[in-house]
Amino acid sequence: MIDPRLHTLRMLREHGTVTAAATALHLTPSTVSQQLRLLAKDLDVQLLEQVGRRVRLTSAAHTLLRHADELFAQAERARAELAAHRTGITGMLRISAMPTALVALVAPAAARLRDANPLLTVEMSEDESRHCFDLLLSGDSDIGVLIPAPGGPALDDPRFEQHQLIDEPQDLLVPSGHRLAECRSVALTEAAEEPWVGAPDRVAHCHLLLGACAAAGFMPRINHRGVDWLGISAMVAHGFGVSLIPRLATLPADHAVVRVPLHGDGAPTRRHIICIRRGSAAQPAIAAGLAAVREICRERNDVVLVD
């Protein structure tokens, strides 16, 4: 077994403060502080230094973390080899995903896994992309289906294995009766002077919308903001603006909106990735989960499988 205090140190590196690390670990801040003090005492090195009201990892802590990342990856590989001694796919598989991916990809994949492996329990959670990595690191999730976002881990982060999954086209969402509603497809620039419905800047959709419009040569005039597609679609349906809508997003049938495909070099897409803890890919339940999600992606004709 790996010393659990190493996991605590990893979570402090990830979250930046003792309080945030404690929340992610479902512990109290005093417990986290005590664990790290005892770890430093046992190793006879200083792991934390006080900087104002916060703590900072020392160079010794970063050295220890480099070895800890290798140990945790090796532990995942050991679990995979031990699982080979059991019959069938059993246990618990936890999958986290951003909302549209959960609806379109993960839920049908989980149903297929459940039907094929009656001894396997699949647990799903819906979350923003930026939180899926936290869930993987804390052990609350085994597979994450998400969109890379600013501030996320690099592709070569030693804690994770990240694989490209699909490219998802974005459509222009307009009200029924809009001047572009009857077009088979349009360039994004044709909506440059329209009022737009966007998302708060903390939401990944905001970054995609602004980036796509900037690449097309304009910045959108965002008059209204919504957090989920239901609210955004309702505002568009009532004529308050246009928006970008991912191809996988489902909308109520009674919303008077039209999806117009986008064409041209600047036609925006979302790249989805599938992510696991490094070293865990050969664990039977995780391998089956990865295969099931990819199988669902392969069967869809509205996205492009890239891995």
Foldseek 3Di string as FASTA:
>chain_A
DDDCLLLLLVLCVVQVALCNSCVLLVHHSVVNVVSQVVVCVVVVHDQWDDDPPGIDGDPVVVVVNVVVLVVVLVVLLVLLVVLVPDPAAADEAEEEEAVLCCVQFQVVLQVVVCVVGVRYHYHYYHDAQQCRVSCQSSVVHFKYKYFDDPPDDDCVPSFKHKFWWWKWFKWKKAFAVDPCQPPQAEAPVVQQPKEEEEAPPVHRRNVQQQVLVVVVPHGHHHDHYDHDPAVRLQCRNVPNTMYIDTPSDDYDPPRRMHTHGYDDPSRGITIMMMMGTNNNCSRVVNVSSVVSSNVSVVPDPRIGTDD
